Amino acid sequence: MMNNLTPCYVNEHQSDLRGVKDGWYASKLSGQLLFGPFANQEACLSRISQYASWIASSAARHRPH
């Protein structure tokens, strides 16, 4: 996934261990959760896509001319 983000499902057991609600999260490849939870994988992927677009447009605006 762009920007090394991927959807990750955190089940009820994992959520107790991590201290978060169960659901879908955008996570780094390292496993760090960045944002969520989302109700489903599609909503999570949509948010990851929005984030990637924002990062790309922000980088384009800050490029030296």
Protein backbone atom coordinates (compact mmCIF):
# COMPACT_ATOMS: atom_id res chain seq x y z
CA MET A 1 0.00 0.00 0.00
CA MET A 2 1.20 3.51 -0.71
CA ASN A 3 3.19 5.17 2.10
CA ASN A 4 3.71 1.76 3.73
CA LEU A 5 0.20 1.76 5.24
CA THR A 6 -2.00 -1.29 5.24
CA PRO A 7 -5.39 -2.22 6.69
CA CYS A 8 -5.16 -4.31 9.83
CA TYR A 9 -8.03 -6.00 11.66
CA VAL A 10 -7.73 -5.95 15.45
CA ASN A 11 -9.98 -8.59 16.97
CA GLU A 12 -11.48 -8.51 20.47
CA HIS A 13 -8.57 -10.38 22.07
CA GLN A 14 -5.92 -8.21 20.38
CA SER A 15 -7.85 -5.06 21.28
CA ASP A 16 -7.69 -5.99 24.97
CA LEU A 17 -3.93 -6.50 24.71
CA ARG A 18 -3.37 -3.24 22.82
CA GLY A 19 -5.85 -1.16 24.80
CA VAL A 20 -7.88 -0.16 21.72
CA LYS A 21 -11.33 -0.94 20.37
CA ASP A 22 -11.69 -3.85 17.98
CA GLY A 23 -12.10 -3.00 14.29
CA TRP A 24 -10.09 -2.07 11.22
CA TYR A 25 -7.08 0.23 11.56
CA ALA A 26 -4.61 1.80 9.16
CA SER A 27 -1.23 0.57 10.31
CA LYS A 28 2.40 0.91 9.37
CA LEU A 29 4.18 -2.22 8.17
CA SER A 30 5.83 -2.27 11.61
CA GLY A 31 2.39 -2.87 13.15
CA GLN A 32 1.96 0.61 14.64
CA LEU A 33 -1.69 1.67 14.39
CA LEU A 34 -2.08 5.14 12.90
CA PHE A 35 -5.81 5.73 12.73
CA GLY A 36 -9.07 3.91 13.23
CA PRO A 37 -11.05 1.98 14.15
CA PHE A 38 -13.18 1.69 11.04
CA ALA A 39 -16.32 -0.40 10.73
CA ASN A 40 -15.00 -2.36 7.74
CA GLN A 41 -11.98 -2.89 5.53
CA GLU A 42 -13.39 -0.76 2.72
CA ALA A 43 -13.71 2.29 4.97
CA CYS A 44 -10.16 1.74 6.21
CA LEU A 45 -8.80 1.45 2.66
CA SER A 46 -10.65 4.62 1.68
CA ARG A 47 -9.03 6.54 4.55
CA ILE A 48 -5.58 5.17 3.65
CA SER A 49 -6.14 6.33 0.07
CA GLN A 50 -7.19 9.81 1.26
CA TYR A 51 -4.12 10.01 3.47
CA ALA A 52 -1.81 8.94 0.61
CA SER A 53 -3.36 11.58 -1.68
CA TRP A 54 -2.93 14.25 0.97
CA ILE A 55 0.73 13.29 1.52
CA ALA A 56 1.40 13.34 -2.25
CA SER A 57 -0.25 16.75 -2.75
CA SER A 58 1.50 18.17 0.30
CA ALA A 59 4.87 16.98 -1.00
CA ALA A 60 4.15 18.51 -4.42
CA ARG A 61 3.32 21.89 -2.85
CA HIS A 62 6.56 21.91 -0.86
CA ARG A 63 8.94 20.97 -3.69
CA PRO A 64 11.51 23.63 -4.50
CA HIS A 65 10.95 25.29 -7.87
